[in-house]
Amino acid sequence: MAITTDLIREKLIAEIGAVHVDVEDTSPNRCAASFKVLVVSPQFEGKPLLQRHRMVNTCLAEELKEIHAFEQKTLTPEQWEKQKHSDTHTHIHSMTIQ
């Protein structure tokens, strides 16, 4: 089975209960060898970063056998909301300075 951004997204939603998933194929030729993901799930609540990453790695264990590089960021819904607000504020601030 070919590894696609959609496959990764669907597995994370189904198995980790992710409420938001961004998946980017970061391979030079988009050849599905390298991925970067942002996963937002209430199941991460109260869990340390290492445990969150292990959850993602377990979910994608078969796919990771064929992926050469995998970068992940894992957030709770509350952390995601704070980050979105912070990113928006930073963007608006930088636009105002120019």
N, C-alpha and C. Protein backbone atom coordinates (compact mmCIF):
# COMPACT_ATOMS: atom_id res chain seq x y z
N MET A 1 0.84 -1.18 0.00
CA MET A 1 0.00 0.00 0.00
C MET A 1 0.88 1.25 0.00
N ALA A 2 0.59 2.18 -0.87
CA ALA A 2 1.35 3.43 -0.94
C ALA A 2 1.01 4.32 0.25
N ILE A 3 2.04 4.94 0.79
CA ILE A 3 1.83 5.85 1.92
C ILE A 3 1.51 7.23 1.35
N THR A 4 0.39 7.77 1.78
CA THR A 4 -0.03 9.10 1.32
C THR A 4 -0.34 9.97 2.53
N THR A 5 -0.41 11.26 2.28
CA THR A 5 -0.78 12.18 3.36
C THR A 5 -2.18 11.87 3.85
N ASP A 6 -3.07 11.49 2.94
CA ASP A 6 -4.45 11.14 3.34
C ASP A 6 -4.48 9.90 4.22
N LEU A 7 -3.68 8.88 3.88
CA LEU A 7 -3.63 7.66 4.68
C LEU A 7 -3.17 7.98 6.10
N ILE A 8 -2.12 8.75 6.22
CA ILE A 8 -1.59 9.11 7.54
C ILE A 8 -2.65 9.89 8.32
N ARG A 9 -3.27 10.86 7.69
CA ARG A 9 -4.30 11.68 8.35
C ARG A 9 -5.46 10.81 8.83
N GLU A 10 -5.95 9.94 7.98
CA GLU A 10 -7.09 9.08 8.32
C GLU A 10 -6.78 8.15 9.48
N LYS A 11 -5.58 7.56 9.49
CA LYS A 11 -5.20 6.67 10.59
C LYS A 11 -5.13 7.41 11.91
N LEU A 12 -4.56 8.60 11.90
CA LEU A 12 -4.43 9.38 13.14
C LEU A 12 -5.79 9.81 13.67
N ILE A 13 -6.69 10.15 12.78
CA ILE A 13 -8.05 10.52 13.20
C ILE A 13 -8.76 9.31 13.79
N ALA A 14 -8.68 8.17 13.11
CA ALA A 14 -9.39 6.97 13.53
C ALA A 14 -8.82 6.36 14.81
N GLU A 15 -7.50 6.31 14.93
CA GLU A 15 -6.88 5.56 16.02
C GLU A 15 -6.50 6.40 17.23
N ILE A 16 -6.28 7.69 17.04
CA ILE A 16 -5.89 8.54 18.17
C ILE A 16 -6.99 9.56 18.48
N GLY A 17 -8.03 9.56 17.70
CA GLY A 17 -9.12 10.50 17.95
C GLY A 17 -8.70 11.94 17.69
N ALA A 18 -7.81 12.12 16.72
CA ALA A 18 -7.33 13.47 16.40
C ALA A 18 -8.48 14.34 15.90
N VAL A 19 -8.51 15.57 16.39
CA VAL A 19 -9.53 16.53 15.96
C VAL A 19 -8.97 17.48 14.89
N HIS A 20 -7.66 17.47 14.73
CA HIS A 20 -7.00 18.26 13.69
C HIS A 20 -5.70 17.56 13.33
N VAL A 21 -5.45 17.39 12.04
CA VAL A 21 -4.21 16.77 11.57
C VAL A 21 -3.73 17.51 10.33
N ASP A 22 -2.49 17.98 10.37
CA ASP A 22 -1.82 18.52 9.18
C ASP A 22 -0.73 17.53 8.82
N VAL A 23 -0.69 17.12 7.57
CA VAL A 23 0.36 16.20 7.11
C VAL A 23 0.99 16.81 5.87
N GLU A 24 2.30 16.89 5.89
CA GLU A 24 3.03 17.44 4.74
C GLU A 24 4.08 16.44 4.29
N ASP A 25 4.09 16.13 3.00
CA ASP A 25 5.13 15.29 2.42
C ASP A 25 6.33 16.20 2.18
N THR A 26 7.38 16.02 2.98
CA THR A 26 8.55 16.90 2.89
C THR A 26 9.68 16.29 2.06
N SER A 27 9.39 15.21 1.36
CA SER A 27 10.38 14.59 0.47
C SER A 27 10.71 15.56 -0.66
N PRO A 28 11.96 15.55 -1.12
CA PRO A 28 12.35 16.47 -2.21
C PRO A 28 11.44 16.38 -3.44
N ASN A 29 11.05 15.17 -3.83
CA ASN A 29 10.21 15.00 -5.01
C ASN A 29 8.80 14.55 -4.65
N ARG A 30 8.41 14.79 -3.40
CA ARG A 30 7.10 14.36 -2.89
C ARG A 30 6.90 12.86 -3.14
N CYS A 31 7.95 12.10 -2.81
CA CYS A 31 7.94 10.66 -3.07
C CYS A 31 7.54 9.83 -1.84
N ALA A 32 6.94 10.45 -0.86
CA ALA A 32 6.43 9.77 0.34
C ALA A 32 7.52 9.09 1.16
N ALA A 33 8.69 9.73 1.23
CA ALA A 33 9.77 9.18 2.04
C ALA A 33 9.98 9.98 3.33
N SER A 34 9.40 11.17 3.38
CA SER A 34 9.61 12.06 4.51
C SER A 34 8.32 12.84 4.77
N PHE A 35 7.90 12.86 6.04
CA PHE A 35 6.66 13.54 6.39
C PHE A 35 6.82 14.39 7.64
N LYS A 36 6.03 15.44 7.71
CA LYS A 36 5.94 16.31 8.88
C LYS A 36 4.46 16.35 9.25
N VAL A 37 4.14 16.07 10.54
CA VAL A 37 2.74 16.07 10.95
C VAL A 37 2.52 16.93 12.19
N LEU A 38 1.33 17.50 12.25
CA LEU A 38 0.82 18.18 13.44
C LEU A 38 -0.44 17.43 13.81
N VAL A 39 -0.48 16.90 15.03
CA VAL A 39 -1.62 16.10 15.48
C VAL A 39 -2.19 16.75 16.74
N VAL A 40 -3.50 17.04 16.71
CA VAL A 40 -4.19 17.61 17.86
C VAL A 40 -5.22 16.58 18.31
N SER A 41 -5.09 16.13 19.57
CA SER A 41 -6.01 15.10 20.08
C SER A 41 -6.26 15.30 21.56
N PRO A 42 -7.51 15.13 21.98
CA PRO A 42 -7.80 15.18 23.42
C PRO A 42 -7.16 14.01 24.17
N GLN A 43 -6.79 12.95 23.47
CA GLN A 43 -6.13 11.81 24.11
C GLN A 43 -4.73 12.15 24.60
N PHE A 44 -4.17 13.28 24.16
CA PHE A 44 -2.84 13.71 24.62
C PHE A 44 -2.91 14.42 25.97
N GLU A 45 -4.11 14.76 26.42
CA GLU A 45 -4.30 15.50 27.67
C GLU A 45 -3.61 14.77 28.83
N GLY A 46 -2.75 15.50 29.55
CA GLY A 46 -2.07 14.95 30.73
C GLY A 46 -0.92 14.01 30.43
N LYS A 47 -0.59 13.83 29.15
CA LYS A 47 0.50 12.92 28.80
C LYS A 47 1.75 13.72 28.42
N PRO A 48 2.92 13.25 28.85
CA PRO A 48 4.16 13.93 28.46
C PRO A 48 4.43 13.76 26.96
N LEU A 49 5.28 14.61 26.45
CA LEU A 49 5.60 14.63 25.02
C LEU A 49 6.04 13.26 24.51
N LEU A 50 6.91 12.58 25.24
CA LEU A 50 7.41 11.29 24.79
C LEU A 50 6.27 10.28 24.64
N GLN A 51 5.34 10.28 25.57
CA GLN A 51 4.22 9.35 25.49
C GLN A 51 3.31 9.68 24.30
N ARG A 52 3.12 10.97 24.02
CA ARG A 52 2.33 11.39 22.86
C ARG A 52 2.97 10.89 21.57
N HIS A 53 4.28 11.08 21.47
CA HIS A 53 5.00 10.64 20.26
C HIS A 53 4.95 9.13 20.11
N ARG A 54 5.01 8.42 21.22
CA ARG A 54 4.91 6.97 21.15
C ARG A 54 3.53 6.54 20.64
N MET A 55 2.50 7.27 21.06
CA MET A 55 1.14 6.97 20.58
C MET A 55 1.07 7.10 19.06
N VAL A 56 1.65 8.19 18.54
CA VAL A 56 1.65 8.42 17.09
C VAL A 56 2.48 7.34 16.40
N ASN A 57 3.65 7.05 16.95
CA ASN A 57 4.52 6.04 16.35
C ASN A 57 3.86 4.66 16.33
N THR A 58 3.12 4.32 17.38
CA THR A 58 2.41 3.04 17.43
C THR A 58 1.31 3.01 16.38
N CYS A 59 0.59 4.10 16.27
CA CYS A 59 -0.49 4.20 15.28
C CYS A 59 0.04 3.99 13.86
N LEU A 60 1.21 4.55 13.59
CA LEU A 60 1.78 4.52 12.24
C LEU A 60 2.94 3.52 12.11
N ALA A 61 2.96 2.52 12.95
CA ALA A 61 4.09 1.58 12.99
C ALA A 61 4.41 0.96 11.63
N GLU A 62 3.39 0.50 10.92
CA GLU A 62 3.62 -0.12 9.60
C GLU A 62 4.15 0.91 8.60
N GLU A 63 3.58 2.09 8.60
CA GLU A 63 3.99 3.14 7.66
C GLU A 63 5.42 3.60 7.95
N LEU A 64 5.78 3.68 9.23
CA LEU A 64 7.12 4.15 9.60
C LEU A 64 8.23 3.21 9.14
N LYS A 65 7.89 1.97 8.85
CA LYS A 65 8.88 1.02 8.32
C LYS A 65 9.35 1.45 6.94
N GLU A 66 8.52 2.21 6.22
CA GLU A 66 8.85 2.63 4.86
C GLU A 66 9.21 4.12 4.75
N ILE A 67 9.00 4.87 5.82
CA ILE A 67 9.28 6.30 5.82
C ILE A 67 10.71 6.52 6.32
N HIS A 68 11.45 7.39 5.64
CA HIS A 68 12.84 7.64 6.01
C HIS A 68 13.00 8.74 7.05
N ALA A 69 12.10 9.70 7.05
CA ALA A 69 12.17 10.80 8.02
C ALA A 69 10.74 11.16 8.44
N PHE A 70 10.57 11.36 9.75
CA PHE A 70 9.23 11.65 10.27
C PHE A 70 9.34 12.65 11.40
N GLU A 71 8.76 13.82 11.21
CA GLU A 71 8.77 14.88 12.21
C GLU A 71 7.34 15.05 12.71
N GLN A 72 7.17 15.13 14.03
CA GLN A 72 5.82 15.27 14.55
C GLN A 72 5.74 16.32 15.65
N LYS A 73 4.59 16.97 15.68
CA LYS A 73 4.25 17.90 16.76
C LYS A 73 2.90 17.45 17.27
N THR A 74 2.79 17.26 18.59
CA THR A 74 1.56 16.75 19.18
C THR A 74 1.04 17.75 20.21
N LEU A 75 -0.23 18.12 20.07
CA LEU A 75 -0.84 19.11 20.95
C LEU A 75 -2.21 18.65 21.42
N THR A 76 -2.60 19.13 22.60
CA THR A 76 -3.98 18.95 23.05
C THR A 76 -4.81 20.04 22.36
N PRO A 77 -6.12 19.89 22.33
CA PRO A 77 -6.96 20.95 21.74
C PRO A 77 -6.73 22.31 22.40
N GLU A 78 -6.54 22.33 23.71
CA GLU A 78 -6.29 23.60 24.41
C GLU A 78 -4.97 24.23 23.96
N GLN A 79 -3.92 23.42 23.85
CA GLN A 79 -2.63 23.92 23.37
C GLN A 79 -2.74 24.44 21.93
N TRP A 80 -3.50 23.74 21.10
CA TRP A 80 -3.70 24.13 19.71
C TRP A 80 -4.38 25.50 19.63
N GLU A 81 -5.41 25.71 20.44
CA GLU A 81 -6.12 27.00 20.45
C GLU A 81 -5.18 28.12 20.87
N LYS A 82 -4.38 27.88 21.89
CA LYS A 82 -3.42 28.90 22.35
C LYS A 82 -2.39 29.21 21.26
N GLN A 83 -1.91 28.17 20.59
CA GLN A 83 -0.91 28.37 19.53
C GLN A 83 -1.50 29.14 18.36
N LYS A 84 -2.74 28.79 17.98
CA LYS A 84 -3.38 29.51 16.87
C LYS A 84 -3.53 30.98 17.22
N HIS A 85 -3.95 31.26 18.44
CA HIS A 85 -4.12 32.65 18.88
C HIS A 85 -2.78 33.37 18.88
N SER A 86 -1.75 32.69 19.36
CA SER A 86 -0.41 33.26 19.42
C SER A 86 0.13 33.53 18.02
N ASP A 87 -0.05 32.56 17.10
CA ASP A 87 0.42 32.72 15.73
C ASP A 87 -0.30 33.88 15.04
N THR A 88 -1.60 34.01 15.27
CA THR A 88 -2.38 35.10 14.68
C THR A 88 -1.91 36.42 15.23
N HIS A 89 -1.70 36.48 16.54
CA HIS A 89 -1.26 37.72 17.18
C HIS A 89 0.12 38.12 16.66
N THR A 90 1.02 37.16 16.54
CA THR A 90 2.36 37.43 16.03
C THR A 90 2.29 37.93 14.59
N HIS A 91 1.45 37.30 13.76
CA HIS A 91 1.32 37.71 12.37
C HIS A 91 0.77 39.14 12.28
N ILE A 92 -0.25 39.43 13.03
CA ILE A 92 -0.83 40.78 13.02
C ILE A 92 0.19 41.78 13.51
N HIS A 93 0.91 41.43 14.57
CA HIS A 93 1.92 42.32 15.13
C HIS A 93 3.01 42.62 14.09
N SER A 94 3.48 41.59 13.40
CA SER A 94 4.53 41.81 12.42
C SER A 94 4.04 42.62 11.24
N MET A 95 2.76 42.48 10.91
CA MET A 95 2.20 43.27 9.82
C MET A 95 2.11 44.75 10.23
N THR A 96 1.83 45.00 11.49
CA THR A 96 1.69 46.35 11.97
C THR A 96 3.03 47.07 11.98
N ILE A 97 4.09 46.36 12.30
CA ILE A 97 5.41 46.95 12.38
C ILE A 97 5.91 47.39 11.02
N GLN A 98 5.59 46.68 10.00
CA GLN A 98 6.14 46.98 8.66
C GLN A 98 5.73 48.29 8.16
